[in-house]
Amino acid sequence: MIMMFLLSTLISIILMILIFMLNLISKKTFYDREKSSPFECGFDPKTPARLPFSLHFFLIGIIFLIFDVEITLLLPLILTLKISNIINYSYILVIFISILILGLYHEWNQGALNWTN
């Protein structure tokens, strides 16, 4: 038991040393201005490559993902229509769609869907 622990520790130490040495050897220390700048058909870029990102793009993307995932949760309900009770099915469907509509109304009220600069 102790021998297995020592062997695994030795192998881990050897691997860490190899990874560290490989990291030191493989680093590129020569940085070229042309290679680190964005390529624009051979011309020098007129604006910096790292422009500030609008928060509206991010917010609309997150809202899209949330509603997209909820729609993918809604699609299997169609398959369960055959095997479930129609009253329970209708109850679950009304609750699920009302949560979606309430979420959309909340986002609309908060102004997340308004595209203003």
C-alpha atoms as a PDB file:
ATOM      1  CA  MET A   1       0.000   0.000   0.000  1.00  0.00           C
ATOM      2  CA  ILE A   2       2.767   2.438   0.908  1.00  0.00           C
ATOM      3  CA  MET A   3       4.728   1.340  -2.139  1.00  0.00           C
ATOM      4  CA  MET A   4       1.788   2.209  -4.433  1.00  0.00           C
ATOM      5  CA  PHE A   5       1.470   5.635  -2.794  1.00  0.00           C
ATOM      6  CA  LEU A   6       5.181   6.336  -3.241  1.00  0.00           C
ATOM      7  CA  LEU A   7       5.104   5.156  -6.837  1.00  0.00           C
ATOM      8  CA  SER A   8       2.082   7.313  -7.696  1.00  0.00           C
ATOM      9  CA  THR A   9       3.687  10.301  -5.957  1.00  0.00           C
ATOM     10  CA  LEU A  10       6.925   9.778  -7.878  1.00  0.00           C
ATOM     11  CA  ILE A  11       5.058   9.525 -11.173  1.00  0.00           C
ATOM     12  CA  SER A  12       3.101  12.711 -10.359  1.00  0.00           C
ATOM     13  CA  ILE A  13       6.299  14.599  -9.529  1.00  0.00           C
ATOM     14  CA  ILE A  14       7.972  13.424 -12.735  1.00  0.00           C
ATOM     15  CA  LEU A  15       4.935  14.472 -14.772  1.00  0.00           C
ATOM     16  CA  MET A  16       4.834  17.911 -13.140  1.00  0.00           C
ATOM     17  CA  ILE A  17       8.539  18.429 -13.848  1.00  0.00           C
ATOM     18  CA  LEU A  18       8.077  17.352 -17.475  1.00  0.00           C
ATOM     19  CA  ILE A  19       5.077  19.630 -17.963  1.00  0.00           C
ATOM     20  CA  PHE A  20       6.947  22.568 -16.427  1.00  0.00           C
ATOM     21  CA  MET A  21      10.025  21.962 -18.609  1.00  0.00           C
ATOM     22  CA  LEU A  22       7.869  21.558 -21.715  1.00  0.00           C
ATOM     23  CA  ASN A  23       6.103  24.814 -20.912  1.00  0.00           C
ATOM     24  CA  LEU A  24       9.426  26.633 -20.575  1.00  0.00           C
ATOM     25  CA  ILE A  25      10.875  25.171 -23.760  1.00  0.00           C
ATOM     26  CA  SER A  26       7.836  25.665 -25.974  1.00  0.00           C
ATOM     27  CA  LYS A  27       7.115  29.306 -25.166  1.00  0.00           C
ATOM     28  CA  LYS A  28       7.593  31.702 -27.997  1.00  0.00           C
ATOM     29  CA  THR A  29       9.439  34.739 -26.775  1.00  0.00           C
ATOM     30  CA  PHE A  30       9.639  36.492 -30.143  1.00  0.00           C
ATOM     31  CA  TYR A  31       6.569  38.677 -30.653  1.00  0.00           C
ATOM     32  CA  ASP A  32       6.201  40.327 -34.027  1.00  0.00           C
ATOM     33  CA  ARG A  33       4.113  43.482 -34.457  1.00  0.00           C
ATOM     34  CA  GLU A  34       2.552  42.248 -37.682  1.00  0.00           C
ATOM     35  CA  LYS A  35       1.652  38.881 -36.191  1.00  0.00           C
ATOM     36  CA  SER A  36       0.009  40.371 -33.113  1.00  0.00           C
ATOM     37  CA  SER A  37      -1.989  42.999 -35.027  1.00  0.00           C
ATOM     38  CA  PRO A  38      -5.303  42.247 -36.764  1.00  0.00           C
ATOM     39  CA  PHE A  39      -5.130  41.508 -40.477  1.00  0.00           C
ATOM     40  CA  GLU A  40      -7.052  43.931 -42.677  1.00  0.00           C
ATOM     41  CA  CYS A  41      -6.071  43.134 -46.266  1.00  0.00           C
ATOM     42  CA  GLY A  42      -2.496  44.257 -45.781  1.00  0.00           C
ATOM     43  CA  PHE A  43      -3.356  47.739 -44.507  1.00  0.00           C
ATOM     44  CA  ASP A  44      -2.587  49.036 -41.053  1.00  0.00           C
ATOM     45  CA  PRO A  45      -5.732  49.009 -38.917  1.00  0.00           C
ATOM     46  CA  LYS A  46      -7.291  52.426 -38.415  1.00  0.00           C
ATOM     47  CA  THR A  47      -9.056  51.528 -35.158  1.00  0.00           C
ATOM     48  CA  PRO A  48      -7.864  49.427 -32.242  1.00  0.00           C
ATOM     49  CA  ALA A  49      -8.764  45.749 -32.381  1.00  0.00           C
ATOM     50  CA  ARG A  50     -10.203  45.662 -28.877  1.00  0.00           C
ATOM     51  CA  LEU A  51     -13.250  47.918 -29.096  1.00  0.00           C
ATOM     52  CA  PRO A  52     -15.556  48.071 -26.081  1.00  0.00           C
ATOM     53  CA  PHE A  53     -18.333  45.501 -26.367  1.00  0.00           C
ATOM     54  CA  SER A  54     -21.906  46.722 -26.086  1.00  0.00           C
ATOM     55  CA  LEU A  55     -23.768  45.229 -23.156  1.00  0.00           C
ATOM     56  CA  HIS A  56     -26.944  45.063 -25.228  1.00  0.00           C
ATOM     57  CA  PHE A  57     -25.437  42.362 -27.478  1.00  0.00           C
ATOM     58  CA  PHE A  58     -24.616  40.280 -24.426  1.00  0.00           C
ATOM     59  CA  LEU A  59     -28.031  40.830 -22.844  1.00  0.00           C
ATOM     60  CA  ILE A  60     -29.955  39.932 -25.993  1.00  0.00           C
ATOM     61  CA  GLY A  61     -27.782  36.814 -26.386  1.00  0.00           C
ATOM     62  CA  ILE A  62     -28.480  35.685 -22.827  1.00  0.00           C
ATOM     63  CA  ILE A  63     -32.217  36.312 -23.226  1.00  0.00           C
ATOM     64  CA  PHE A  64     -32.183  34.318 -26.464  1.00  0.00           C
ATOM     65  CA  LEU A  65     -30.408  31.423 -24.760  1.00  0.00           C
ATOM     66  CA  ILE A  66     -32.848  31.392 -21.859  1.00  0.00           C
ATOM     67  CA  PHE A  67     -35.920  31.339 -24.099  1.00  0.00           C
ATOM     68  CA  ASP A  68     -34.298  28.862 -26.480  1.00  0.00           C
ATOM     69  CA  VAL A  69     -33.607  26.426 -23.647  1.00  0.00           C
ATOM     70  CA  GLU A  70     -37.156  26.813 -22.384  1.00  0.00           C
ATOM     71  CA  ILE A  71     -38.524  26.029 -25.834  1.00  0.00           C
ATOM     72  CA  THR A  72     -36.399  22.891 -25.966  1.00  0.00           C
ATOM     73  CA  LEU A  73     -37.972  21.947 -22.630  1.00  0.00           C
ATOM     74  CA  LEU A  74     -41.405  22.609 -24.125  1.00  0.00           C
ATOM     75  CA  LEU A  75     -40.947  20.300 -27.132  1.00  0.00           C
ATOM     76  CA  PRO A  76     -40.899  16.993 -25.172  1.00  0.00           C
ATOM     77  CA  LEU A  77     -44.291  17.908 -23.743  1.00  0.00           C
ATOM     78  CA  ILE A  78     -45.733  17.154 -27.187  1.00  0.00           C
ATOM     79  CA  LEU A  79     -44.484  13.577 -26.944  1.00  0.00           C
ATOM     80  CA  THR A  80     -45.937  13.115 -23.452  1.00  0.00           C
ATOM     81  CA  LEU A  81     -49.419  14.143 -24.608  1.00  0.00           C
ATOM     82  CA  LYS A  82     -50.218  10.541 -25.599  1.00  0.00           C
ATOM     83  CA  ILE A  83     -49.366   9.009 -22.240  1.00  0.00           C
ATOM     84  CA  SER A  84     -50.462  11.656 -19.742  1.00  0.00           C
ATOM     85  CA  ASN A  85     -53.784  12.804 -18.363  1.00  0.00           C
ATOM     86  CA  ILE A  86     -55.157  15.722 -20.400  1.00  0.00           C
ATOM     87  CA  ILE A  87     -56.006  17.770 -17.272  1.00  0.00           C
ATOM     88  CA  ASN A  88     -52.504  17.406 -15.812  1.00  0.00           C
ATOM     89  CA  TYR A  89     -50.993  18.051 -19.224  1.00  0.00           C
ATOM     90  CA  SER A  90     -53.034  21.243 -19.676  1.00  0.00           C
ATOM     91  CA  TYR A  91     -52.169  22.419 -16.156  1.00  0.00           C
ATOM     92  CA  ILE A  92     -48.419  21.918 -16.697  1.00  0.00           C
ATOM     93  CA  LEU A  93     -48.543  23.526 -20.145  1.00  0.00           C
ATOM     94  CA  VAL A  94     -50.438  26.602 -18.903  1.00  0.00           C
ATOM     95  CA  ILE A  95     -48.003  27.066 -16.001  1.00  0.00           C
ATOM     96  CA  PHE A  96     -44.963  26.651 -18.261  1.00  0.00           C
ATOM     97  CA  ILE A  97     -46.212  29.058 -20.936  1.00  0.00           C
ATOM     98  CA  SER A  98     -47.326  31.589 -18.309  1.00  0.00           C
ATOM     99  CA  ILE A  99     -43.803  31.520 -16.820  1.00  0.00           C
ATOM    100  CA  LEU A 100     -42.424  32.183 -20.300  1.00  0.00           C
ATOM    101  CA  ILE A 101     -44.832  35.058 -20.894  1.00  0.00           C
ATOM    102  CA  LEU A 102     -44.165  36.542 -17.438  1.00  0.00           C
ATOM    103  CA  GLY A 103     -40.417  36.373 -18.102  1.00  0.00           C
ATOM    104  CA  LEU A 104     -40.842  38.086 -21.448  1.00  0.00           C
ATOM    105  CA  TYR A 105     -43.043  40.763 -19.858  1.00  0.00           C
ATOM    106  CA  HIS A 106     -40.463  41.317 -17.106  1.00  0.00           C
ATOM    107  CA  GLU A 107     -37.643  41.701 -19.628  1.00  0.00           C
ATOM    108  CA  TRP A 108     -39.781  44.097 -21.647  1.00  0.00           C
ATOM    109  CA  ASN A 109     -40.626  46.139 -18.517  1.00  0.00           C
ATOM    110  CA  GLN A 110     -36.977  46.315 -17.454  1.00  0.00           C
ATOM    111  CA  GLY A 111     -36.069  47.694 -20.876  1.00  0.00           C
ATOM    112  CA  ALA A 112     -33.759  44.849 -21.827  1.00  0.00           C
ATOM    113  CA  LEU A 113     -35.467  44.481 -25.186  1.00  0.00           C
ATOM    114  CA  ASN A 114     -35.208  48.179 -26.086  1.00  0.00           C
ATOM    115  CA  TRP A 115     -32.297  48.809 -28.402  1.00  0.00           C
ATOM    116  CA  THR A 116     -31.058  52.244 -27.365  1.00  0.00           C
ATOM    117  CA  ASN A 117     -27.531  53.603 -27.457  1.00  0.00           C
END
